[in-house]
Amino acid sequence: MNEPDIKKIRNKLGIPDEHKFLGYLILDTRKDDFLLSFTDNEYCTSKQWCAFPDLASKFDSYCKVVEIINHLEINDTAIIVMAFDLGSQVGVIPFEPEMMN
């Protein structure tokens, strides 16, 4: 799996360069919460969620986010969103695989 070209996606969506790409976030669509943190070891799997994208865990790698979603077995409830710094707030856009074309 290849990493998406952020510059290409930014151009397609019309997002100005001054809005810095902050990373990929994981959004639980059932509660509209973002993954804050998780622990996964031989003893337990624990996930913490938050309501605000600016507090959520941000990942630089799309491939890593896909791996985490699969590993935590939240494929049926989670989506990947792209986060951008809009100055006074963090804006998120759902990532669609078609964006890579």
C-alpha atoms as a PDB file:
ATOM      1  CA  MET A   1       0.000   0.000   0.000  1.00  0.00           C
ATOM      2  CA  ASN A   2       1.329   3.406  -0.959  1.00  0.00           C
ATOM      3  CA  GLU A   3       1.155   6.561   1.119  1.00  0.00           C
ATOM      4  CA  PRO A   4      -1.244   9.195  -0.237  1.00  0.00           C
ATOM      5  CA  ASP A   5       0.278  12.296  -1.825  1.00  0.00           C
ATOM      6  CA  ILE A   6      -0.850  15.045   0.566  1.00  0.00           C
ATOM      7  CA  LYS A   7       0.088  17.818  -1.863  1.00  0.00           C
ATOM      8  CA  LYS A   8      -2.027  16.219  -4.621  1.00  0.00           C
ATOM      9  CA  ILE A   9      -4.983  15.720  -2.254  1.00  0.00           C
ATOM     10  CA  ARG A  10      -4.647  19.261  -0.953  1.00  0.00           C
ATOM     11  CA  ASN A  11      -4.811  20.579  -4.554  1.00  0.00           C
ATOM     12  CA  LYS A  12      -7.831  18.393  -5.426  1.00  0.00           C
ATOM     13  CA  LEU A  13      -9.744  19.626  -2.372  1.00  0.00           C
ATOM     14  CA  GLY A  14      -8.647  23.248  -2.731  1.00  0.00           C
ATOM     15  CA  ILE A  15      -6.971  23.407   0.679  1.00  0.00           C
ATOM     16  CA  PRO A  16      -4.484  26.316   0.765  1.00  0.00           C
ATOM     17  CA  ASP A  17      -0.837  25.588   1.584  1.00  0.00           C
ATOM     18  CA  GLU A  18      -0.985  27.751   4.718  1.00  0.00           C
ATOM     19  CA  HIS A  19      -3.270  25.158   6.350  1.00  0.00           C
ATOM     20  CA  LYS A  20      -0.679  22.699   7.635  1.00  0.00           C
ATOM     21  CA  PHE A  21      -1.442  18.980   7.368  1.00  0.00           C
ATOM     22  CA  LEU A  22      -1.368  17.672  10.949  1.00  0.00           C
ATOM     23  CA  GLY A  23      -1.788  13.974  10.227  1.00  0.00           C
ATOM     24  CA  TYR A  24      -4.328  11.191  10.016  1.00  0.00           C
ATOM     25  CA  LEU A  25      -6.820  10.653  12.841  1.00  0.00           C
ATOM     26  CA  ILE A  26      -9.104   7.738  13.657  1.00  0.00           C
ATOM     27  CA  LEU A  27     -12.765   8.644  14.102  1.00  0.00           C
ATOM     28  CA  ASP A  28     -15.315   6.346  15.766  1.00  0.00           C
ATOM     29  CA  THR A  29     -18.431   6.997  13.696  1.00  0.00           C
ATOM     30  CA  ARG A  30     -20.789   5.607  16.352  1.00  0.00           C
ATOM     31  CA  LYS A  31     -19.969   8.307  18.888  1.00  0.00           C
ATOM     32  CA  ASP A  32     -18.214  10.855  16.686  1.00  0.00           C
ATOM     33  CA  ASP A  33     -15.127  10.553  18.915  1.00  0.00           C
ATOM     34  CA  PHE A  34     -11.458  10.563  17.954  1.00  0.00           C
ATOM     35  CA  LEU A  35      -8.854   8.074  19.161  1.00  0.00           C
ATOM     36  CA  LEU A  36      -6.906   9.782  21.935  1.00  0.00           C
ATOM     37  CA  SER A  37      -4.628   6.883  22.862  1.00  0.00           C
ATOM     38  CA  PHE A  38      -4.475   3.114  22.961  1.00  0.00           C
ATOM     39  CA  THR A  39      -2.567   0.392  24.707  1.00  0.00           C
ATOM     40  CA  ASP A  40      -2.226  -3.061  23.281  1.00  0.00           C
ATOM     41  CA  ASN A  41      -0.140  -5.736  24.916  1.00  0.00           C
ATOM     42  CA  GLU A  42      -0.349  -9.375  25.903  1.00  0.00           C
ATOM     43  CA  TYR A  43      -2.546  -8.516  28.905  1.00  0.00           C
ATOM     44  CA  CYS A  44      -5.084  -6.058  27.528  1.00  0.00           C
ATOM     45  CA  THR A  45      -6.253  -3.788  24.777  1.00  0.00           C
ATOM     46  CA  SER A  46      -7.445  -0.379  25.890  1.00  0.00           C
ATOM     47  CA  LYS A  47      -8.673   2.558  23.827  1.00  0.00           C
ATOM     48  CA  GLN A  48      -9.387   6.112  24.997  1.00  0.00           C
ATOM     49  CA  TRP A  49     -11.495   8.482  22.920  1.00  0.00           C
ATOM     50  CA  CYS A  50     -12.008  12.246  22.918  1.00  0.00           C
ATOM     51  CA  ALA A  51     -14.463  14.646  21.310  1.00  0.00           C
ATOM     52  CA  PHE A  52     -11.926  17.067  19.853  1.00  0.00           C
ATOM     53  CA  PRO A  53      -9.605  16.491  16.885  1.00  0.00           C
ATOM     54  CA  ASP A  54      -6.929  18.800  18.309  1.00  0.00           C
ATOM     55  CA  LEU A  55      -6.478  16.391  21.258  1.00  0.00           C
ATOM     56  CA  ALA A  56      -6.566  13.186  19.193  1.00  0.00           C
ATOM     57  CA  SER A  57      -3.566  11.038  18.310  1.00  0.00           C
ATOM     58  CA  LYS A  58      -2.195  12.185  14.979  1.00  0.00           C
ATOM     59  CA  PHE A  59      -0.362   9.770  12.720  1.00  0.00           C
ATOM     60  CA  ASP A  60       2.028  10.703   9.902  1.00  0.00           C
ATOM     61  CA  SER A  61       1.511   7.451   8.021  1.00  0.00           C
ATOM     62  CA  TYR A  62      -1.748   6.396   6.368  1.00  0.00           C
ATOM     63  CA  CYS A  63      -0.452   2.815   6.234  1.00  0.00           C
ATOM     64  CA  LYS A  64       0.179   2.881   9.991  1.00  0.00           C
ATOM     65  CA  VAL A  65      -3.385   4.089  10.669  1.00  0.00           C
ATOM     66  CA  VAL A  66      -4.815   1.262   8.541  1.00  0.00           C
ATOM     67  CA  GLU A  67      -2.630  -1.185  10.468  1.00  0.00           C
ATOM     68  CA  ILE A  68      -3.834   0.190  13.835  1.00  0.00           C
ATOM     69  CA  ILE A  69      -7.508   0.044  12.819  1.00  0.00           C
ATOM     70  CA  ASN A  70      -7.103  -3.565  11.695  1.00  0.00           C
ATOM     71  CA  HIS A  71      -5.133  -4.543  14.793  1.00  0.00           C
ATOM     72  CA  LEU A  72      -7.654  -2.963  17.177  1.00  0.00           C
ATOM     73  CA  GLU A  73     -10.466  -4.625  15.180  1.00  0.00           C
ATOM     74  CA  ILE A  74     -12.461  -1.425  14.751  1.00  0.00           C
ATOM     75  CA  ASN A  75     -12.823  -1.673  10.952  1.00  0.00           C
ATOM     76  CA  ASP A  76     -16.612  -1.643  11.150  1.00  0.00           C
ATOM     77  CA  THR A  77     -16.886   1.537  13.252  1.00  0.00           C
ATOM     78  CA  ALA A  78     -13.795   3.639  12.490  1.00  0.00           C
ATOM     79  CA  ILE A  79     -12.865   5.851   9.579  1.00  0.00           C
ATOM     80  CA  ILE A  80      -9.687   7.732   8.759  1.00  0.00           C
ATOM     81  CA  VAL A  81      -9.825  11.511   8.610  1.00  0.00           C
ATOM     82  CA  MET A  82      -7.189  14.004   7.546  1.00  0.00           C
ATOM     83  CA  ALA A  83      -6.522  16.885   9.949  1.00  0.00           C
ATOM     84  CA  PHE A  84      -5.488  20.389   8.922  1.00  0.00           C
ATOM     85  CA  ASP A  85      -4.557  23.379  11.062  1.00  0.00           C
ATOM     86  CA  LEU A  86      -7.029  26.124  10.172  1.00  0.00           C
ATOM     87  CA  GLY A  87      -5.583  28.623  12.622  1.00  0.00           C
ATOM     88  CA  SER A  88      -8.223  28.877  15.326  1.00  0.00           C
ATOM     89  CA  GLN A  89      -9.295  25.242  14.998  1.00  0.00           C
ATOM     90  CA  VAL A  90      -8.420  21.851  13.525  1.00  0.00           C
ATOM     91  CA  GLY A  91     -10.441  20.897  10.465  1.00  0.00           C
ATOM     92  CA  VAL A  92     -10.980  17.276   9.500  1.00  0.00           C
ATOM     93  CA  ILE A  93     -11.898  15.716   6.177  1.00  0.00           C
ATOM     94  CA  PRO A  94     -12.826  12.042   5.791  1.00  0.00           C
ATOM     95  CA  PHE A  95     -10.166  10.255   3.766  1.00  0.00           C
ATOM     96  CA  GLU A  96     -11.531   8.517   0.676  1.00  0.00           C
ATOM     97  CA  PRO A  97      -9.336   6.039  -1.246  1.00  0.00           C
ATOM     98  CA  GLU A  98     -10.396   7.802  -4.475  1.00  0.00           C
ATOM     99  CA  MET A  99      -8.350  10.787  -3.296  1.00  0.00           C
ATOM    100  CA  MET A 100      -5.220   8.817  -4.178  1.00  0.00           C
ATOM    101  CA  ASN A 101      -6.107   8.784  -7.890  1.00  0.00           C
END
